[in-house]
Amino acid sequence: YGDMPEIKVHNFTNEHLRDKKILIIRDSMVDTVLPFLSMGLKDITLLDIRHFNGSVRRYVEDCKPDIVIVMYKPSYVPIVWNHKDKFDFR
């Protein structure tokens, strides 16, 4: 359905997966990696900062992930960037 600010993936098929939550701060290039990550993890949240206008720091505090991965191409972000800096996660 196109790019969205937030996508949550929960793997229901394998109950023996680790119960870890990963948050990926991403752009659309992560779409190629997500199917592989979702096979080995129970919960993945994707946050697309091109479309997310809130505080990333507050989002991380509320989401309480075990791991945060920042995976996006910084030179692509200014096209639709809503924050003051490419790594401004306030």
PDB file of N, CA and C in Angstrom:
ATOM      1  N   TYR A   1       0.797  -1.205   0.000  1.00  0.00           N
ATOM      2  CA  TYR A   1       0.000   0.000   0.000  1.00  0.00           C
ATOM      3  C   TYR A   1       0.838   1.267   0.000  1.00  0.00           C
ATOM      4  N   GLY A   2       2.062   1.196  -0.457  1.00  0.00           N
ATOM      5  CA  GLY A   2       2.917   2.364  -0.502  1.00  0.00           C
ATOM      6  C   GLY A   2       3.673   2.583   0.793  1.00  0.00           C
ATOM      7  N   ASP A   3       4.457   3.648   0.835  1.00  0.00           N
ATOM      8  CA  ASP A   3       5.239   3.970   2.025  1.00  0.00           C
ATOM      9  C   ASP A   3       4.323   4.433   3.144  1.00  0.00           C
ATOM     10  N   MET A   4       4.634   3.978   4.350  1.00  0.00           N
ATOM     11  CA  MET A   4       3.867   4.347   5.539  1.00  0.00           C
ATOM     12  C   MET A   4       4.843   4.739   6.639  1.00  0.00           C
ATOM     13  N   PRO A   5       4.434   5.608   7.566  1.00  0.00           N
ATOM     14  CA  PRO A   5       5.343   6.008   8.642  1.00  0.00           C
ATOM     15  C   PRO A   5       5.743   4.839   9.547  1.00  0.00           C
ATOM     16  N   GLU A   6       4.810   3.901   9.764  1.00  0.00           N
ATOM     17  CA  GLU A   6       5.066   2.808  10.705  1.00  0.00           C
ATOM     18  C   GLU A   6       4.485   1.506  10.154  1.00  0.00           C
ATOM     19  N   ILE A   7       5.281   0.451  10.256  1.00  0.00           N
ATOM     20  CA  ILE A   7       4.816  -0.888   9.887  1.00  0.00           C
ATOM     21  C   ILE A   7       5.232  -1.823  11.010  1.00  0.00           C
ATOM     22  N   LYS A   8       4.297  -2.658  11.471  1.00  0.00           N
ATOM     23  CA  LYS A   8       4.599  -3.650  12.508  1.00  0.00           C
ATOM     24  C   LYS A   8       4.440  -5.033  11.906  1.00  0.00           C
ATOM     25  N   VAL A   9       5.459  -5.863  12.119  1.00  0.00           N
ATOM     26  CA  VAL A   9       5.456  -7.226  11.599  1.00  0.00           C
ATOM     27  C   VAL A   9       5.531  -8.171  12.792  1.00  0.00           C
ATOM     28  N   HIS A  10       4.590  -9.115  12.852  1.00  0.00           N
ATOM     29  CA  HIS A  10       4.606 -10.141  13.900  1.00  0.00           C
ATOM     30  C   HIS A  10       4.559 -11.501  13.219  1.00  0.00           C
ATOM     31  N   ASN A  11       5.498 -12.353  13.548  1.00  0.00           N
ATOM     32  CA  ASN A  11       5.586 -13.682  12.960  1.00  0.00           C
ATOM     33  C   ASN A  11       4.765 -14.652  13.803  1.00  0.00           C
ATOM     34  N   PHE A  12       3.623 -15.094  13.271  1.00  0.00           N
ATOM     35  CA  PHE A  12       2.749 -16.025  13.974  1.00  0.00           C
ATOM     36  C   PHE A  12       3.088 -17.488  13.665  1.00  0.00           C
ATOM     37  N   THR A  13       3.877 -17.739  12.623  1.00  0.00           N
ATOM     38  CA  THR A  13       4.054 -19.106  12.148  1.00  0.00           C
ATOM     39  C   THR A  13       5.020 -19.937  12.973  1.00  0.00           C
ATOM     40  N   ASN A  14       5.971 -19.308  13.625  1.00  0.00           N
ATOM     41  CA  ASN A  14       6.961 -20.059  14.373  1.00  0.00           C
ATOM     42  C   ASN A  14       7.006 -19.557  15.812  1.00  0.00           C
ATOM     43  N   GLU A  15       6.434 -20.304  16.729  1.00  0.00           N
ATOM     44  CA  GLU A  15       6.377 -19.878  18.131  1.00  0.00           C
ATOM     45  C   GLU A  15       7.703 -20.101  18.866  1.00  0.00           C
ATOM     46  N   HIS A  16       8.684 -20.711  18.208  1.00  0.00           N
ATOM     47  CA  HIS A  16       9.974 -20.969  18.840  1.00  0.00           C
ATOM     48  C   HIS A  16      10.986 -19.856  18.581  1.00  0.00           C
ATOM     49  N   LEU A  17      10.560 -18.782  17.942  1.00  0.00           N
ATOM     50  CA  LEU A  17      11.465 -17.673  17.662  1.00  0.00           C
ATOM     51  C   LEU A  17      11.786 -16.911  18.932  1.00  0.00           C
ATOM     52  N   ARG A  18      12.911 -16.232  18.911  1.00  0.00           N
ATOM     53  CA  ARG A  18      13.274 -15.393  20.054  1.00  0.00           C
ATOM     54  C   ARG A  18      12.250 -14.282  20.240  1.00  0.00           C
ATOM     55  N   ASP A  19      11.964 -13.997  21.473  1.00  0.00           N
ATOM     56  CA  ASP A  19      10.966 -12.983  21.802  1.00  0.00           C
ATOM     57  C   ASP A  19      11.624 -11.606  21.926  1.00  0.00           C
ATOM     58  N   LYS A  20      12.342 -11.202  20.903  1.00  0.00           N
ATOM     59  CA  LYS A  20      13.022  -9.912  20.882  1.00  0.00           C
ATOM     60  C   LYS A  20      12.286  -8.961  19.945  1.00  0.00           C
ATOM     61  N   LYS A  21      12.302  -7.681  20.306  1.00  0.00           N
ATOM     62  CA  LYS A  21      11.693  -6.660  19.458  1.00  0.00           C
ATOM     63  C   LYS A  21      12.791  -5.810  18.829  1.00  0.00           C
ATOM     64  N   ILE A  22      12.696  -5.660  17.513  1.00  0.00           N
ATOM     65  CA  ILE A  22      13.656  -4.831  16.794  1.00  0.00           C
ATOM     66  C   ILE A  22      12.912  -3.662  16.164  1.00  0.00           C
ATOM     67  N   LEU A  23      13.483  -2.483  16.286  1.00  0.00           N
ATOM     68  CA  LEU A  23      12.976  -1.287  15.616  1.00  0.00           C
ATOM     69  C   LEU A  23      13.992  -0.919  14.542  1.00  0.00           C
ATOM     70  N   ILE A  24      13.516  -0.777  13.308  1.00  0.00           N
ATOM     71  CA  ILE A  24      14.381  -0.372  12.211  1.00  0.00           C
ATOM     72  C   ILE A  24      13.930   1.000  11.725  1.00  0.00           C
ATOM     73  N   ILE A  25      14.816   1.976  11.832  1.00  0.00           N
ATOM     74  CA  ILE A  25      14.570   3.308  11.284  1.00  0.00           C
ATOM     75  C   ILE A  25      15.059   3.239   9.848  1.00  0.00           C
ATOM     76  N   ARG A  26      14.167   3.441   8.895  1.00  0.00           N
ATOM     77  CA  ARG A  26      14.422   2.980   7.543  1.00  0.00           C
ATOM     78  C   ARG A  26      13.970   3.904   6.435  1.00  0.00           C
ATOM     79  N   ASP A  27      14.374   3.544   5.220  1.00  0.00           N
ATOM     80  CA  ASP A  27      13.762   4.067   4.004  1.00  0.00           C
ATOM     81  C   ASP A  27      13.279   2.855   3.209  1.00  0.00           C
ATOM     82  N   SER A  28      12.896   3.039   1.985  1.00  0.00           N
ATOM     83  CA  SER A  28      12.283   1.954   1.220  1.00  0.00           C
ATOM     84  C   SER A  28      13.264   0.835   0.862  1.00  0.00           C
ATOM     85  N   MET A  29      14.548   1.061   0.952  1.00  0.00           N
ATOM     86  CA  MET A  29      15.527   0.029   0.615  1.00  0.00           C
ATOM     87  C   MET A  29      15.470  -1.153   1.589  1.00  0.00           C
ATOM     88  N   VAL A  30      14.936  -0.939   2.780  1.00  0.00           N
ATOM     89  CA  VAL A  30      14.817  -2.020   3.763  1.00  0.00           C
ATOM     90  C   VAL A  30      13.762  -3.045   3.333  1.00  0.00           C
ATOM     91  N   ASP A  31      12.913  -2.677   2.397  1.00  0.00           N
ATOM     92  CA  ASP A  31      11.894  -3.622   1.918  1.00  0.00           C
ATOM     93  C   ASP A  31      12.517  -4.913   1.406  1.00  0.00           C
ATOM     94  N   THR A  32      13.741  -4.859   0.908  1.00  0.00           N
ATOM     95  CA  THR A  32      14.400  -6.061   0.397  1.00  0.00           C
ATOM     96  C   THR A  32      14.948  -6.932   1.531  1.00  0.00           C
ATOM     97  N   VAL A  33      15.227  -6.358   2.683  1.00  0.00           N
ATOM     98  CA  VAL A  33      15.801  -7.085   3.812  1.00  0.00           C
ATOM     99  C   VAL A  33      14.715  -7.646   4.731  1.00  0.00           C
ATOM    100  N   LEU A  34      13.582  -6.979   4.804  1.00  0.00           N
ATOM    101  CA  LEU A  34      12.525  -7.335   5.746  1.00  0.00           C
ATOM    102  C   LEU A  34      12.066  -8.789   5.650  1.00  0.00           C
ATOM    103  N   PRO A  35      11.823  -9.354   4.480  1.00  0.00           N
ATOM    104  CA  PRO A  35      11.372 -10.754   4.444  1.00  0.00           C
ATOM    105  C   PRO A  35      12.346 -11.721   5.117  1.00  0.00           C
ATOM    106  N   PHE A  36      13.637 -11.466   4.992  1.00  0.00           N
ATOM    107  CA  PHE A  36      14.629 -12.345   5.601  1.00  0.00           C
ATOM    108  C   PHE A  36      14.676 -12.157   7.114  1.00  0.00           C
ATOM    109  N   LEU A  37      14.614 -10.921   7.589  1.00  0.00           N
ATOM    110  CA  LEU A  37      14.609 -10.663   9.025  1.00  0.00           C
ATOM    111  C   LEU A  37      13.352 -11.222   9.686  1.00  0.00           C
ATOM    112  N   SER A  38      12.226 -11.108   9.019  1.00  0.00           N
ATOM    113  CA  SER A  38      10.966 -11.533   9.622  1.00  0.00           C
ATOM    114  C   SER A  38      10.876 -13.049   9.792  1.00  0.00           C
ATOM    115  N   MET A  39      11.696 -13.808   9.087  1.00  0.00           N
ATOM    116  CA  MET A  39      11.683 -15.266   9.249  1.00  0.00           C
ATOM    117  C   MET A  39      12.354 -15.703  10.546  1.00  0.00           C
ATOM    118  N   GLY A  40      13.219 -14.873  11.095  1.00  0.00           N
ATOM    119  CA  GLY A  40      13.962 -15.271  12.281  1.00  0.00           C
ATOM    120  C   GLY A  40      13.621 -14.512  13.539  1.00  0.00           C
ATOM    121  N   LEU A  41      12.714 -13.563  13.438  1.00  0.00           N
ATOM    122  CA  LEU A  41      12.344 -12.754  14.601  1.00  0.00           C
ATOM    123  C   LEU A  41      10.837 -12.731  14.775  1.00  0.00           C
ATOM    124  N   LYS A  42      10.413 -12.549  16.001  1.00  0.00           N
ATOM    125  CA  LYS A  42       8.978 -12.534  16.282  1.00  0.00           C
ATOM    126  C   LYS A  42       8.359 -11.167  16.002  1.00  0.00           C
ATOM    127  N   ASP A  43       9.031 -10.084  16.399  1.00  0.00           N
ATOM    128  CA  ASP A  43       8.464  -8.745  16.245  1.00  0.00           C
ATOM    129  C   ASP A  43       9.467  -7.769  15.648  1.00  0.00           C
ATOM    130  N   ILE A  44       9.061  -7.110  14.576  1.00  0.00           N
ATOM    131  CA  ILE A  44       9.864  -6.071  13.936  1.00  0.00           C
ATOM    132  C   ILE A  44       8.960  -4.873  13.704  1.00  0.00           C
ATOM    133  N   THR A  45       9.440  -3.696  14.073  1.00  0.00           N
ATOM    134  CA  THR A  45       8.736  -2.454  13.790  1.00  0.00           C
ATOM    135  C   THR A  45       9.608  -1.629  12.858  1.00  0.00           C
ATOM    136  N   LEU A  46       9.003  -1.133  11.800  1.00  0.00           N
ATOM    137  CA  LEU A  46       9.706  -0.300  10.827  1.00  0.00           C
ATOM    138  C   LEU A  46       9.194   1.126  10.965  1.00  0.00           C
ATOM    139  N   LEU A  47      10.095   2.066  11.073  1.00  0.00           N
ATOM    140  CA  LEU A  47       9.741   3.473  11.187  1.00  0.00           C
ATOM    141  C   LEU A  47      10.372   4.211  10.020  1.00  0.00           C
ATOM    142  N   ASP A  48       9.552   4.706   9.127  1.00  0.00           N
ATOM    143  CA  ASP A  48      10.036   5.408   7.934  1.00  0.00           C
ATOM    144  C   ASP A  48      10.082   6.895   8.253  1.00  0.00           C
ATOM    145  N   ILE A  49      11.287   7.408   8.458  1.00  0.00           N
ATOM    146  CA  ILE A  49      11.440   8.798   8.892  1.00  0.00           C
ATOM    147  C   ILE A  49      11.120   9.799   7.797  1.00  0.00           C
ATOM    148  N   ARG A  50      10.960   9.343   6.570  1.00  0.00           N
ATOM    149  CA  ARG A  50      10.547  10.250   5.501  1.00  0.00           C
ATOM    150  C   ARG A  50       9.095  10.673   5.693  1.00  0.00           C
ATOM    151  N   HIS A  51       8.316   9.844   6.404  1.00  0.00           N
ATOM    152  CA  HIS A  51       6.889  10.112   6.574  1.00  0.00           C
ATOM    153  C   HIS A  51       6.491  10.271   8.041  1.00  0.00           C
ATOM    154  N   PHE A  52       7.424  10.108   8.942  1.00  0.00           N
ATOM    155  CA  PHE A  52       7.154  10.216  10.379  1.00  0.00           C
ATOM    156  C   PHE A  52       7.547  11.602  10.853  1.00  0.00           C
ATOM    157  N   ASN A  53       6.616  12.339  11.426  1.00  0.00           N
ATOM    158  CA  ASN A  53       6.867  13.720  11.845  1.00  0.00           C
ATOM    159  C   ASN A  53       7.123  13.863  13.341  1.00  0.00           C
ATOM    160  N   GLY A  54       6.949  12.794  14.100  1.00  0.00           N
ATOM    161  CA  GLY A  54       7.078  12.887  15.549  1.00  0.00           C
ATOM    162  C   GLY A  54       8.514  12.776  16.027  1.00  0.00           C
ATOM    163  N   SER A  55       8.657  12.611  17.316  1.00  0.00           N
ATOM    164  CA  SER A  55       9.960  12.469  17.948  1.00  0.00           C
ATOM    165  C   SER A  55      10.379  10.999  17.889  1.00  0.00           C
ATOM    166  N   VAL A  56      11.480  10.721  17.226  1.00  0.00           N
ATOM    167  CA  VAL A  56      11.986   9.351  17.148  1.00  0.00           C
ATOM    168  C   VAL A  56      12.432   8.899  18.539  1.00  0.00           C
ATOM    169  N   ARG A  57      13.034   9.792  19.275  1.00  0.00           N
ATOM    170  CA  ARG A  57      13.466   9.455  20.636  1.00  0.00           C
ATOM    171  C   ARG A  57      12.272   9.013  21.490  1.00  0.00           C
ATOM    172  N   ARG A  58      11.192   9.751  21.442  1.00  0.00           N
ATOM    173  CA  ARG A  58      10.004   9.384  22.207  1.00  0.00           C
ATOM    174  C   ARG A  58       9.415   8.068  21.696  1.00  0.00           C
ATOM    175  N   TYR A  59       9.442   7.865  20.384  1.00  0.00           N
ATOM    176  CA  TYR A  59       8.925   6.625  19.804  1.00  0.00           C
ATOM    177  C   TYR A  59       9.713   5.424  20.335  1.00  0.00           C
ATOM    178  N   VAL A  60      11.041   5.549  20.395  1.00  0.00           N
ATOM    179  CA  VAL A  60      11.881   4.468  20.920  1.00  0.00           C
ATOM    180  C   VAL A  60      11.570   4.221  22.390  1.00  0.00           C
ATOM    181  N   GLU A  61      11.397   5.283  23.158  1.00  0.00           N
ATOM    182  CA  GLU A  61      11.056   5.133  24.578  1.00  0.00           C
ATOM    183  C   GLU A  61       9.724   4.429  24.763  1.00  0.00           C
ATOM    184  N   ASP A  62       8.750   4.732  23.927  1.00  0.00           N
ATOM    185  CA  ASP A  62       7.426   4.107  24.034  1.00  0.00           C
ATOM    186  C   ASP A  62       7.422   2.667  23.525  1.00  0.00           C
ATOM    187  N   CYS A  63       8.138   2.405  22.455  1.00  0.00           N
ATOM    188  CA  CYS A  63       8.180   1.090  21.813  1.00  0.00           C
ATOM    189  C   CYS A  63       9.006   0.085  22.629  1.00  0.00           C
ATOM    190  N   LYS A  64      10.042   0.561  23.321  1.00  0.00           N
ATOM    191  CA  LYS A  64      10.943  -0.248  24.127  1.00  0.00           C
ATOM    192  C   LYS A  64      11.520  -1.451  23.365  1.00  0.00           C
ATOM    193  N   PRO A  65      12.174  -1.189  22.226  1.00  0.00           N
ATOM    194  CA  PRO A  65      12.769  -2.305  21.475  1.00  0.00           C
ATOM    195  C   PRO A  65      14.042  -2.814  22.161  1.00  0.00           C
ATOM    196  N   ASP A  66      14.389  -4.058  21.876  1.00  0.00           N
ATOM    197  CA  ASP A  66      15.645  -4.613  22.368  1.00  0.00           C
ATOM    198  C   ASP A  66      16.819  -4.104  21.537  1.00  0.00           C
ATOM    199  N   ILE A  67      16.564  -3.865  20.259  1.00  0.00           N
ATOM    200  CA  ILE A  67      17.600  -3.410  19.336  1.00  0.00           C
ATOM    201  C   ILE A  67      17.017  -2.337  18.426  1.00  0.00           C
ATOM    202  N   VAL A  68      17.787  -1.289  18.151  1.00  0.00           N
ATOM    203  CA  VAL A  68      17.396  -0.274  17.175  1.00  0.00           C
ATOM    204  C   VAL A  68      18.453  -0.285  16.069  1.00  0.00           C
ATOM    205  N   ILE A  69      17.982  -0.427  14.831  1.00  0.00           N
ATOM    206  CA  ILE A  69      18.863  -0.411  13.672  1.00  0.00           C
ATOM    207  C   ILE A  69      18.504   0.803  12.825  1.00  0.00           C
ATOM    208  N   VAL A  70      19.479   1.630  12.512  1.00  0.00           N
ATOM    209  CA  VAL A  70      19.272   2.759  11.609  1.00  0.00           C
ATOM    210  C   VAL A  70      19.803   2.317  10.252  1.00  0.00           C
ATOM    211  N   MET A  71      18.884   2.197   9.286  1.00  0.00           N
ATOM    212  CA  MET A  71      19.262   1.668   7.982  1.00  0.00           C
ATOM    213  C   MET A  71      18.573   2.485   6.892  1.00  0.00           C
ATOM    214  N   TYR A  72      19.206   3.585   6.510  1.00  0.00           N
ATOM    215  CA  TYR A  72      18.700   4.379   5.397  1.00  0.00           C
ATOM    216  C   TYR A  72      19.834   5.145   4.758  1.00  0.00           C
ATOM    217  N   LYS A  73      19.609   5.560   3.555  1.00  0.00           N
ATOM    218  CA  LYS A  73      20.624   6.301   2.800  1.00  0.00           C
ATOM    219  C   LYS A  73      20.439   7.790   3.090  1.00  0.00           C
ATOM    220  N   PRO A  74      21.345   8.402   3.846  1.00  0.00           N
ATOM    221  CA  PRO A  74      21.172   9.800   4.249  1.00  0.00           C
ATOM    222  C   PRO A  74      21.018  10.776   3.086  1.00  0.00           C
ATOM    223  N   SER A  75      21.657  10.521   1.953  1.00  0.00           N
ATOM    224  CA  SER A  75      21.536  11.468   0.843  1.00  0.00           C
ATOM    225  C   SER A  75      20.149  11.443   0.216  1.00  0.00           C
ATOM    226  N   TYR A  76      19.389  10.382   0.453  1.00  0.00           N
ATOM    227  CA  TYR A  76      18.033  10.269  -0.089  1.00  0.00           C
ATOM    228  C   TYR A  76      17.011  11.001   0.778  1.00  0.00           C
ATOM    229  N   VAL A  77      17.292  11.081   2.063  1.00  0.00           N
ATOM    230  CA  VAL A  77      16.335  11.609   3.031  1.00  0.00           C
ATOM    231  C   VAL A  77      15.940  13.069   2.810  1.00  0.00           C
ATOM    232  N   PRO A  78      16.833  13.998   2.438  1.00  0.00           N
ATOM    233  CA  PRO A  78      16.422  15.408   2.340  1.00  0.00           C
ATOM    234  C   PRO A  78      15.305  15.682   1.340  1.00  0.00           C
ATOM    235  N   ILE A  79      15.045  14.767   0.448  1.00  0.00           N
ATOM    236  CA  ILE A  79      13.973  14.994  -0.527  1.00  0.00           C
ATOM    237  C   ILE A  79      12.641  15.230   0.168  1.00  0.00           C
ATOM    238  N   VAL A  80      12.367  14.475   1.211  1.00  0.00           N
ATOM    239  CA  VAL A  80      11.097  14.590   1.929  1.00  0.00           C
ATOM    240  C   VAL A  80      11.325  14.655   3.439  1.00  0.00           C
ATOM    241  N   TRP A  81      12.420  15.224   3.852  1.00  0.00           N
ATOM    242  CA  TRP A  81      12.809  15.244   5.259  1.00  0.00           C
ATOM    243  C   TRP A  81      12.038  16.308   6.019  1.00  0.00           C
ATOM    244  N   ASN A  82      11.503  15.954   7.168  1.00  0.00           N
ATOM    245  CA  ASN A  82      10.717  16.876   7.983  1.00  0.00           C
ATOM    246  C   ASN A  82      11.481  17.402   9.189  1.00  0.00           C
ATOM    247  N   HIS A  83      12.654  16.852   9.477  1.00  0.00           N
ATOM    248  CA  HIS A  83      13.437  17.274  10.627  1.00  0.00           C
ATOM    249  C   HIS A  83      14.565  18.209  10.180  1.00  0.00           C
ATOM    250  N   LYS A  84      15.243  18.814  11.134  1.00  0.00           N
ATOM    251  CA  LYS A  84      16.283  19.782  10.811  1.00  0.00           C
ATOM    252  C   LYS A  84      17.569  19.133  10.323  1.00  0.00           C
ATOM    253  N   ASP A  85      17.836  17.919  10.734  1.00  0.00           N
ATOM    254  CA  ASP A  85      19.088  17.246  10.406  1.00  0.00           C
ATOM    255  C   ASP A  85      18.788  15.791  10.059  1.00  0.00           C
ATOM    256  N   LYS A  86      19.631  15.179   9.251  1.00  0.00           N
ATOM    257  CA  LYS A  86      19.406  13.795   8.811  1.00  0.00           C
ATOM    258  C   LYS A  86      19.391  12.805   9.978  1.00  0.00           C
ATOM    259  N   PHE A  87      20.071  13.155  11.065  1.00  0.00           N
ATOM    260  CA  PHE A  87      20.123  12.279  12.234  1.00  0.00           C
ATOM    261  C   PHE A  87      19.551  12.976  13.462  1.00  0.00           C
ATOM    262  N   ASP A  88      18.616  13.863  13.272  1.00  0.00           N
ATOM    263  CA  ASP A  88      17.939  14.558  14.358  1.00  0.00           C
ATOM    264  C   ASP A  88      16.762  13.696  14.803  1.00  0.00           C
ATOM    265  N   PHE A  89      16.955  12.943  15.865  1.00  0.00           N
ATOM    266  CA  PHE A  89      15.932  12.003  16.300  1.00  0.00           C
ATOM    267  C   PHE A  89      15.136  12.521  17.499  1.00  0.00           C
ATOM    268  N   ARG A  90      15.072  13.852  17.665  1.00  0.00           N
ATOM    269  CA  ARG A  90      14.291  14.388  18.773  1.00  0.00           C
ATOM    270  C   ARG A  90      12.884  14.137  18.518  1.00  0.00           C
TER     271      ARG A  90
END
